[in-house]
Amino acid sequence: MSLIPNPFGRRSGVFDPFSLDLWDHQVHHPFRSLSDLSSRSETESFAHAHIDWKETPTAHVFKADVPGLRKEEVKVEVEDGRILQISGERKREQEEKTDTWHRVERSSGTFTRRFRLPEKASVEEVRAGMENGVLTVTVPKVKAKKVDVRSIEISG
């Protein structure tokens, strides 16, 4: 929803018309204290997968940080012809009765991010790949059609 980074990892309040993230006013209330920000739930902290979107002369490229996920745990979909949806889930580690946990900082849960693609995006040619915990989704641009000019002989 935001294009401007925030030092607390939260949205900055700048509207991004291409992002379709759902905003929960109870979670993102502007008057929450710093201690509230540090005590986020596991699911909430994983729910905000960080994604960069850049436009090159030939494509739109999305890069999502999804550390610790396998490609089978991430889905990339195009719905309604123009909505790119990236989602995934990190399951909680199984606890053994004999285990004693001293600290749990790694998050688990699901995330879903949605982006409205521009009109000139070629949604039929979307490619996705994952390497070292970074998902890269490439949406090529529609190639400009060459104008075919044909001379017409004028009779008379």
N, C-alpha and C. Protein backbone atom coordinates (compact mmCIF):
# COMPACT_ATOMS: atom_id res chain seq x y z
N MET A 1 0.82 -1.17 0.00
CA MET A 1 0.00 0.00 0.00
C MET A 1 0.87 1.24 0.00
N SER A 2 2.13 1.09 0.37
CA SER A 2 2.98 2.26 0.50
C SER A 2 4.19 2.13 -0.40
N LEU A 3 4.65 3.24 -0.91
CA LEU A 3 5.87 3.26 -1.69
C LEU A 3 7.05 3.75 -0.88
N ILE A 4 6.79 4.39 0.24
CA ILE A 4 7.85 4.98 1.05
C ILE A 4 8.13 4.08 2.24
N PRO A 5 9.39 3.62 2.42
CA PRO A 5 9.71 2.75 3.53
C PRO A 5 9.56 3.45 4.88
N ASN A 6 9.25 2.67 5.88
CA ASN A 6 9.07 3.18 7.23
C ASN A 6 10.06 2.46 8.13
N PRO A 7 10.76 3.12 9.03
CA PRO A 7 11.78 2.45 9.85
C PRO A 7 11.20 1.36 10.75
N PHE A 8 9.90 1.35 10.99
CA PHE A 8 9.30 0.33 11.85
C PHE A 8 8.74 -0.83 11.04
N GLY A 9 8.99 -0.85 9.72
CA GLY A 9 8.50 -1.92 8.88
C GLY A 9 7.02 -1.83 8.61
N ARG A 10 6.40 -0.72 8.94
CA ARG A 10 4.97 -0.53 8.73
C ARG A 10 4.74 0.31 7.48
N ARG A 11 3.51 0.40 7.07
CA ARG A 11 3.17 1.26 5.95
C ARG A 11 3.32 2.71 6.37
N SER A 12 3.67 3.54 5.42
CA SER A 12 3.88 4.95 5.75
C SER A 12 2.63 5.79 5.55
N GLY A 13 1.57 5.21 5.01
CA GLY A 13 0.35 5.96 4.81
C GLY A 13 0.25 6.59 3.44
N VAL A 14 1.28 6.42 2.60
CA VAL A 14 1.23 6.93 1.23
C VAL A 14 0.47 5.92 0.39
N PHE A 15 -0.54 6.36 -0.33
CA PHE A 15 -1.39 5.46 -1.09
C PHE A 15 -0.70 5.00 -2.36
N ASP A 16 -0.69 3.71 -2.59
CA ASP A 16 -0.16 3.12 -3.82
C ASP A 16 -1.34 2.55 -4.59
N PRO A 17 -1.75 3.15 -5.69
CA PRO A 17 -2.96 2.70 -6.38
C PRO A 17 -2.86 1.31 -6.97
N PHE A 18 -1.65 0.76 -7.12
CA PHE A 18 -1.50 -0.55 -7.72
C PHE A 18 -1.54 -1.67 -6.68
N SER A 19 -1.38 -1.35 -5.40
CA SER A 19 -1.37 -2.36 -4.36
C SER A 19 -2.80 -2.60 -3.87
N LEU A 20 -3.13 -3.85 -3.69
CA LEU A 20 -4.47 -4.21 -3.24
C LEU A 20 -4.41 -4.86 -1.86
N ASP A 21 -3.38 -4.57 -1.09
CA ASP A 21 -3.27 -5.15 0.24
C ASP A 21 -4.46 -4.72 1.08
N LEU A 22 -4.91 -5.61 1.92
CA LEU A 22 -5.97 -5.25 2.84
C LEU A 22 -5.34 -4.57 4.04
N TRP A 23 -5.94 -3.51 4.50
CA TRP A 23 -5.40 -2.75 5.62
C TRP A 23 -6.32 -2.93 6.81
N ASP A 24 -5.82 -3.45 7.89
CA ASP A 24 -6.61 -3.67 9.10
C ASP A 24 -6.33 -2.52 10.06
N HIS A 25 -7.33 -1.66 10.29
CA HIS A 25 -7.10 -0.47 11.11
C HIS A 25 -6.77 -0.83 12.56
N GLN A 26 -7.17 -2.01 13.02
CA GLN A 26 -6.84 -2.39 14.40
C GLN A 26 -5.36 -2.77 14.52
N VAL A 27 -4.84 -3.38 13.47
CA VAL A 27 -3.43 -3.77 13.49
C VAL A 27 -2.54 -2.58 13.18
N HIS A 28 -2.97 -1.69 12.27
CA HIS A 28 -2.14 -0.59 11.80
C HIS A 28 -2.62 0.75 12.33
N HIS A 29 -3.10 0.78 13.52
CA HIS A 29 -3.60 2.03 14.09
C HIS A 29 -2.46 3.01 14.26
N PRO A 30 -2.61 4.27 13.82
CA PRO A 30 -1.49 5.21 13.84
C PRO A 30 -1.05 5.63 15.24
N PHE A 31 -1.87 5.39 16.27
CA PHE A 31 -1.50 5.85 17.61
C PHE A 31 -1.01 4.72 18.50
N ARG A 32 -0.60 3.61 17.92
CA ARG A 32 -0.09 2.51 18.72
C ARG A 32 1.30 2.86 19.25
N SER A 33 1.63 2.38 20.41
CA SER A 33 2.93 2.69 20.99
C SER A 33 4.01 1.78 20.38
N LEU A 34 5.28 2.14 20.60
CA LEU A 34 6.37 1.32 20.09
C LEU A 34 6.36 -0.07 20.72
N SER A 35 5.95 -0.19 21.97
CA SER A 35 5.91 -1.51 22.59
C SER A 35 4.85 -2.37 21.93
N ASP A 36 3.75 -1.78 21.45
CA ASP A 36 2.74 -2.54 20.72
C ASP A 36 3.32 -3.06 19.40
N LEU A 37 4.15 -2.26 18.74
CA LEU A 37 4.74 -2.67 17.47
C LEU A 37 5.67 -3.86 17.66
N SER A 38 6.38 -3.91 18.76
CA SER A 38 7.34 -4.99 18.95
C SER A 38 6.67 -6.27 19.42
N SER A 39 5.40 -6.21 19.83
CA SER A 39 4.74 -7.42 20.31
C SER A 39 3.72 -7.93 19.31
N ARG A 40 4.03 -7.81 18.03
CA ARG A 40 3.12 -8.29 17.00
C ARG A 40 3.02 -9.81 17.07
N SER A 41 1.88 -10.34 16.66
CA SER A 41 1.70 -11.79 16.63
C SER A 41 2.58 -12.41 15.56
N GLU A 42 2.82 -13.72 15.66
CA GLU A 42 3.64 -14.40 14.66
C GLU A 42 3.04 -14.26 13.27
N THR A 43 1.76 -14.49 13.17
CA THR A 43 1.11 -14.44 11.87
C THR A 43 1.20 -13.04 11.28
N GLU A 44 0.99 -12.03 12.10
CA GLU A 44 1.04 -10.66 11.59
C GLU A 44 2.43 -10.32 11.08
N SER A 45 3.49 -10.76 11.77
CA SER A 45 4.83 -10.40 11.34
C SER A 45 5.21 -11.10 10.04
N PHE A 46 4.65 -12.27 9.77
CA PHE A 46 4.94 -12.95 8.51
C PHE A 46 4.02 -12.47 7.41
N ALA A 47 2.87 -11.94 7.77
CA ALA A 47 1.86 -11.55 6.79
C ALA A 47 2.32 -10.43 5.88
N HIS A 48 3.34 -9.71 6.25
CA HIS A 48 3.80 -8.58 5.45
C HIS A 48 5.09 -8.94 4.72
N ALA A 49 4.99 -9.91 3.80
CA ALA A 49 6.15 -10.28 2.99
C ALA A 49 6.58 -9.04 2.22
N HIS A 50 7.83 -8.73 2.29
CA HIS A 50 8.35 -7.52 1.63
C HIS A 50 8.53 -7.79 0.15
N ILE A 51 7.94 -6.93 -0.67
CA ILE A 51 7.97 -7.11 -2.11
C ILE A 51 8.38 -5.81 -2.79
N ASP A 52 9.34 -5.92 -3.70
CA ASP A 52 9.76 -4.79 -4.53
C ASP A 52 9.13 -4.96 -5.90
N TRP A 53 8.71 -3.87 -6.52
CA TRP A 53 8.14 -3.89 -7.87
C TRP A 53 8.88 -2.84 -8.68
N LYS A 54 9.56 -3.28 -9.72
CA LYS A 54 10.23 -2.33 -10.61
C LYS A 54 9.76 -2.54 -12.03
N GLU A 55 9.84 -1.47 -12.80
CA GLU A 55 9.46 -1.53 -14.20
C GLU A 55 10.70 -1.31 -15.04
N THR A 56 10.94 -2.21 -15.96
CA THR A 56 12.04 -2.09 -16.90
C THR A 56 11.43 -1.75 -18.26
N PRO A 57 12.25 -1.47 -19.26
CA PRO A 57 11.68 -1.18 -20.59
C PRO A 57 10.86 -2.35 -21.17
N THR A 58 11.13 -3.58 -20.72
CA THR A 58 10.46 -4.74 -21.32
C THR A 58 9.52 -5.49 -20.38
N ALA A 59 9.56 -5.19 -19.06
CA ALA A 59 8.75 -6.00 -18.14
C ALA A 59 8.54 -5.29 -16.81
N HIS A 60 7.61 -5.84 -16.03
CA HIS A 60 7.43 -5.48 -14.63
C HIS A 60 8.01 -6.65 -13.84
N VAL A 61 8.88 -6.33 -12.86
CA VAL A 61 9.56 -7.37 -12.10
C VAL A 61 9.23 -7.20 -10.62
N PHE A 62 8.73 -8.28 -10.01
CA PHE A 62 8.39 -8.30 -8.59
C PHE A 62 9.39 -9.22 -7.90
N LYS A 63 9.96 -8.74 -6.79
CA LYS A 63 10.88 -9.57 -5.98
C LYS A 63 10.34 -9.61 -4.57
N ALA A 64 10.10 -10.83 -4.08
CA ALA A 64 9.52 -11.02 -2.76
C ALA A 64 10.48 -11.80 -1.88
N ASP A 65 10.71 -11.28 -0.67
CA ASP A 65 11.52 -12.01 0.31
C ASP A 65 10.65 -13.07 0.96
N VAL A 66 10.98 -14.33 0.74
CA VAL A 66 10.25 -15.44 1.35
C VAL A 66 11.25 -16.45 1.93
N PRO A 67 12.07 -16.00 2.89
CA PRO A 67 13.12 -16.87 3.42
C PRO A 67 12.52 -18.09 4.11
N GLY A 68 13.15 -19.23 3.87
CA GLY A 68 12.74 -20.46 4.53
C GLY A 68 11.58 -21.17 3.87
N LEU A 69 11.02 -20.61 2.81
CA LEU A 69 9.92 -21.27 2.11
C LEU A 69 10.44 -22.00 0.88
N ARG A 70 9.83 -23.16 0.62
CA ARG A 70 10.11 -23.89 -0.61
C ARG A 70 9.13 -23.42 -1.68
N LYS A 71 9.46 -23.65 -2.93
CA LYS A 71 8.58 -23.18 -4.00
C LYS A 71 7.20 -23.82 -3.92
N GLU A 72 7.08 -25.00 -3.31
CA GLU A 72 5.79 -25.65 -3.14
C GLU A 72 4.91 -24.93 -2.12
N GLU A 73 5.49 -24.07 -1.30
CA GLU A 73 4.75 -23.35 -0.27
C GLU A 73 4.34 -21.94 -0.71
N VAL A 74 4.66 -21.59 -1.95
CA VAL A 74 4.35 -20.26 -2.48
C VAL A 74 3.50 -20.43 -3.74
N LYS A 75 2.49 -19.57 -3.89
CA LYS A 75 1.65 -19.58 -5.09
C LYS A 75 1.70 -18.22 -5.77
N VAL A 76 1.78 -18.25 -7.10
CA VAL A 76 1.72 -17.04 -7.91
C VAL A 76 0.55 -17.24 -8.87
N GLU A 77 -0.42 -16.31 -8.83
CA GLU A 77 -1.62 -16.45 -9.65
C GLU A 77 -1.96 -15.11 -10.29
N VAL A 78 -2.62 -15.19 -11.44
CA VAL A 78 -3.20 -14.01 -12.06
C VAL A 78 -4.70 -14.25 -12.09
N GLU A 79 -5.44 -13.37 -11.43
CA GLU A 79 -6.90 -13.53 -11.40
C GLU A 79 -7.57 -12.32 -12.03
N ASP A 80 -8.73 -12.55 -12.58
CA ASP A 80 -9.50 -11.51 -13.27
C ASP A 80 -8.69 -10.80 -14.35
N GLY A 81 -7.71 -11.49 -14.89
CA GLY A 81 -6.95 -10.96 -16.01
C GLY A 81 -5.92 -9.89 -15.69
N ARG A 82 -6.01 -9.21 -14.56
CA ARG A 82 -5.09 -8.10 -14.28
C ARG A 82 -4.60 -8.05 -12.85
N ILE A 83 -4.96 -9.00 -12.01
CA ILE A 83 -4.56 -8.97 -10.61
C ILE A 83 -3.51 -10.06 -10.38
N LEU A 84 -2.29 -9.63 -10.04
CA LEU A 84 -1.23 -10.58 -9.69
C LEU A 84 -1.33 -10.85 -8.19
N GLN A 85 -1.45 -12.12 -7.83
CA GLN A 85 -1.54 -12.48 -6.41
C GLN A 85 -0.38 -13.40 -6.05
N ILE A 86 0.35 -13.02 -5.01
CA ILE A 86 1.46 -13.82 -4.49
C ILE A 86 1.08 -14.20 -3.07
N SER A 87 1.08 -15.50 -2.78
CA SER A 87 0.68 -15.95 -1.44
C SER A 87 1.56 -17.13 -1.02
N GLY A 88 1.54 -17.39 0.26
CA GLY A 88 2.31 -18.51 0.77
C GLY A 88 2.02 -18.77 2.23
N GLU A 89 2.62 -19.84 2.74
CA GLU A 89 2.41 -20.20 4.13
C GLU A 89 3.66 -20.85 4.70
N ARG A 90 4.04 -20.41 5.88
CA ARG A 90 5.11 -21.05 6.64
C ARG A 90 4.45 -21.69 7.85
N LYS A 91 4.57 -22.99 7.93
CA LYS A 91 3.94 -23.71 9.03
C LYS A 91 4.83 -23.64 10.28
N ARG A 92 4.17 -23.70 11.43
CA ARG A 92 4.89 -23.70 12.70
C ARG A 92 5.61 -25.04 12.87
N GLU A 93 6.81 -24.98 13.43
CA GLU A 93 7.59 -26.19 13.67
C GLU A 93 6.89 -27.06 14.72
N GLN A 94 6.93 -28.37 14.52
CA GLN A 94 6.30 -29.28 15.47
C GLN A 94 7.06 -29.26 16.79
N GLU A 95 6.31 -29.17 17.88
CA GLU A 95 6.93 -29.15 19.20
C GLU A 95 6.91 -30.55 19.79
N GLU A 96 8.00 -30.93 20.36
CA GLU A 96 8.10 -32.20 21.07
C GLU A 96 7.88 -31.95 22.55
N LYS A 97 7.29 -32.89 23.24
CA LYS A 97 7.00 -32.73 24.68
C LYS A 97 8.28 -32.53 25.48
N THR A 98 9.39 -33.07 25.00
CA THR A 98 10.65 -32.98 25.75
C THR A 98 11.44 -31.71 25.43
N ASP A 99 10.99 -30.93 24.45
CA ASP A 99 11.70 -29.72 24.06
C ASP A 99 11.41 -28.57 25.02
N THR A 100 12.45 -27.77 25.29
CA THR A 100 12.29 -26.55 26.05
C THR A 100 12.73 -25.40 25.15
N TRP A 101 11.78 -24.52 24.83
CA TRP A 101 12.08 -23.40 23.95
C TRP A 101 12.56 -22.23 24.80
N HIS A 102 13.67 -21.61 24.40
CA HIS A 102 14.19 -20.44 25.11
C HIS A 102 13.81 -19.15 24.39
N ARG A 103 13.64 -19.22 23.10
CA ARG A 103 13.27 -18.04 22.33
C ARG A 103 12.63 -18.51 21.02
N VAL A 104 11.55 -17.84 20.63
CA VAL A 104 10.90 -18.12 19.35
C VAL A 104 10.75 -16.78 18.63
N GLU A 105 11.59 -16.56 17.61
CA GLU A 105 11.56 -15.30 16.87
C GLU A 105 11.15 -15.50 15.41
N ARG A 106 11.31 -16.72 14.91
CA ARG A 106 10.92 -16.97 13.52
C ARG A 106 9.41 -17.01 13.43
N SER A 107 8.87 -16.34 12.45
CA SER A 107 7.42 -16.24 12.34
C SER A 107 6.85 -17.36 11.48
N SER A 108 5.57 -17.58 11.65
CA SER A 108 4.85 -18.55 10.84
C SER A 108 3.50 -17.94 10.49
N GLY A 109 2.82 -18.55 9.55
CA GLY A 109 1.52 -18.06 9.14
C GLY A 109 1.43 -17.94 7.64
N THR A 110 0.42 -17.21 7.18
CA THR A 110 0.19 -17.06 5.76
C THR A 110 0.35 -15.59 5.35
N PHE A 111 0.58 -15.38 4.07
CA PHE A 111 0.59 -14.03 3.54
C PHE A 111 -0.06 -14.05 2.17
N THR A 112 -0.65 -12.94 1.81
CA THR A 112 -1.21 -12.74 0.47
C THR A 112 -0.98 -11.30 0.08
N ARG A 113 -0.39 -11.10 -1.07
CA ARG A 113 -0.17 -9.75 -1.60
C ARG A 113 -0.77 -9.73 -3.00
N ARG A 114 -1.48 -8.64 -3.31
CA ARG A 114 -2.15 -8.50 -4.59
C ARG A 114 -1.77 -7.17 -5.23
N PHE A 115 -1.55 -7.22 -6.56
CA PHE A 115 -1.15 -6.03 -7.30
C PHE A 115 -1.96 -5.94 -8.58
N ARG A 116 -2.50 -4.77 -8.84
CA ARG A 116 -3.22 -4.53 -10.10
C ARG A 116 -2.18 -4.23 -11.17
N LEU A 117 -2.16 -5.06 -12.20
CA LEU A 117 -1.18 -4.91 -13.27
C LEU A 117 -1.65 -3.86 -14.27
N PRO A 118 -0.71 -3.14 -14.88
CA PRO A 118 -1.06 -2.15 -15.89
C PRO A 118 -1.67 -2.81 -17.13
N GLU A 119 -2.35 -2.02 -17.92
CA GLU A 119 -3.01 -2.53 -19.14
C GLU A 119 -2.03 -3.18 -20.11
N LYS A 120 -0.82 -2.66 -20.19
CA LYS A 120 0.14 -3.18 -21.18
C LYS A 120 0.97 -4.34 -20.66
N ALA A 121 0.49 -5.02 -19.61
CA ALA A 121 1.19 -6.20 -19.09
C ALA A 121 0.70 -7.44 -19.83
N SER A 122 1.61 -8.28 -20.23
CA SER A 122 1.27 -9.51 -20.95
C SER A 122 1.08 -10.63 -19.93
N VAL A 123 -0.13 -10.76 -19.41
CA VAL A 123 -0.38 -11.71 -18.31
C VAL A 123 -0.28 -13.17 -18.76
N GLU A 124 -0.32 -13.42 -20.07
CA GLU A 124 -0.19 -14.79 -20.57
C GLU A 124 1.26 -15.28 -20.51
N GLU A 125 2.21 -14.38 -20.33
CA GLU A 125 3.63 -14.74 -20.36
C GLU A 125 4.32 -14.57 -19.01
N VAL A 126 3.58 -14.59 -17.92
CA VAL A 126 4.17 -14.39 -16.58
C VAL A 126 5.10 -15.56 -16.26
N ARG A 127 6.26 -15.24 -15.72
CA ARG A 127 7.24 -16.26 -15.30
C ARG A 127 7.59 -16.03 -13.83
N ALA A 128 7.87 -17.12 -13.12
CA ALA A 128 8.26 -17.00 -11.72
C ALA A 128 9.40 -17.98 -11.44
N GLY A 129 10.31 -17.55 -10.58
CA GLY A 129 11.42 -18.40 -10.16
C GLY A 129 11.82 -18.04 -8.74
N MET A 130 12.44 -19.00 -8.06
CA MET A 130 12.84 -18.74 -6.68
C MET A 130 14.27 -19.21 -6.48
N GLU A 131 15.05 -18.33 -5.84
CA GLU A 131 16.45 -18.65 -5.56
C GLU A 131 16.87 -17.95 -4.27
N ASN A 132 17.46 -18.71 -3.37
CA ASN A 132 17.98 -18.18 -2.10
C ASN A 132 16.95 -17.37 -1.31
N GLY A 133 15.71 -17.87 -1.26
CA GLY A 133 14.68 -17.21 -0.47
C GLY A 133 14.09 -15.96 -1.10
N VAL A 134 14.36 -15.74 -2.39
CA VAL A 134 13.80 -14.59 -3.09
C VAL A 134 12.99 -15.10 -4.29
N LEU A 135 11.69 -14.78 -4.28
CA LEU A 135 10.81 -15.12 -5.39
C LEU A 135 10.85 -13.97 -6.38
N THR A 136 11.10 -14.28 -7.65
CA THR A 136 11.11 -13.26 -8.70
C THR A 136 10.00 -13.59 -9.69
N VAL A 137 9.08 -12.65 -9.86
CA VAL A 137 7.98 -12.79 -10.81
C VAL A 137 8.19 -11.74 -11.89
N THR A 138 8.24 -12.19 -13.14
CA THR A 138 8.44 -11.29 -14.27
C THR A 138 7.19 -11.28 -15.13
N VAL A 139 6.65 -10.08 -15.33
CA VAL A 139 5.46 -9.90 -16.16
C VAL A 139 5.90 -9.06 -17.36
N PRO A 140 6.09 -9.70 -18.52
CA PRO A 140 6.53 -8.95 -19.70
C PRO A 140 5.48 -7.92 -20.13
N LYS A 141 5.96 -6.88 -20.79
CA LYS A 141 5.05 -5.88 -21.35
C LYS A 141 4.61 -6.35 -22.73
N VAL A 142 3.41 -5.94 -23.12
CA VAL A 142 2.91 -6.24 -24.46
C VAL A 142 3.79 -5.49 -25.45
N LYS A 143 4.27 -6.21 -26.45
CA LYS A 143 5.12 -5.57 -27.45
C LYS A 143 4.28 -4.66 -28.32
N ALA A 144 4.82 -3.49 -28.57
CA ALA A 144 4.10 -2.54 -29.42
C ALA A 144 4.02 -3.11 -30.83
N LYS A 145 2.83 -3.10 -31.36
CA LYS A 145 2.64 -3.64 -32.71
C LYS A 145 3.21 -2.66 -33.73
N LYS A 146 3.90 -3.22 -34.69
CA LYS A 146 4.43 -2.39 -35.77
C LYS A 146 3.26 -1.95 -36.63
N VAL A 147 3.26 -0.71 -36.95
CA VAL A 147 2.21 -0.19 -37.81
C VAL A 147 2.55 -0.59 -39.23
N ASP A 148 1.63 -1.33 -39.81
CA ASP A 148 1.83 -1.77 -41.19
C ASP A 148 1.20 -0.74 -42.11
N VAL A 149 2.00 -0.02 -42.84
CA VAL A 149 1.52 1.01 -43.74
C VAL A 149 1.53 0.46 -45.16
N ARG A 150 0.40 0.57 -45.80
CA ARG A 150 0.26 0.07 -47.14
C ARG A 150 -0.23 1.21 -48.03
N SER A 151 0.44 1.44 -49.13
CA SER A 151 0.04 2.51 -50.05
C SER A 151 -1.15 2.03 -50.88
N ILE A 152 -2.08 2.94 -51.06
CA ILE A 152 -3.27 2.66 -51.85
C ILE A 152 -3.21 3.53 -53.11
N GLU A 153 -3.34 2.89 -54.25
CA GLU A 153 -3.30 3.62 -55.50
C GLU A 153 -4.63 4.34 -55.71
N ILE A 154 -4.54 5.56 -56.11
CA ILE A 154 -5.74 6.38 -56.32
C ILE A 154 -6.11 6.29 -57.79
N SER A 155 -7.32 5.87 -58.05
CA SER A 155 -7.76 5.74 -59.45
C SER A 155 -8.37 7.05 -59.94
N GLY A 156 -8.45 7.19 -61.22
CA GLY A 156 -9.16 8.33 -61.77
C GLY A 156 -8.39 9.32 -62.48
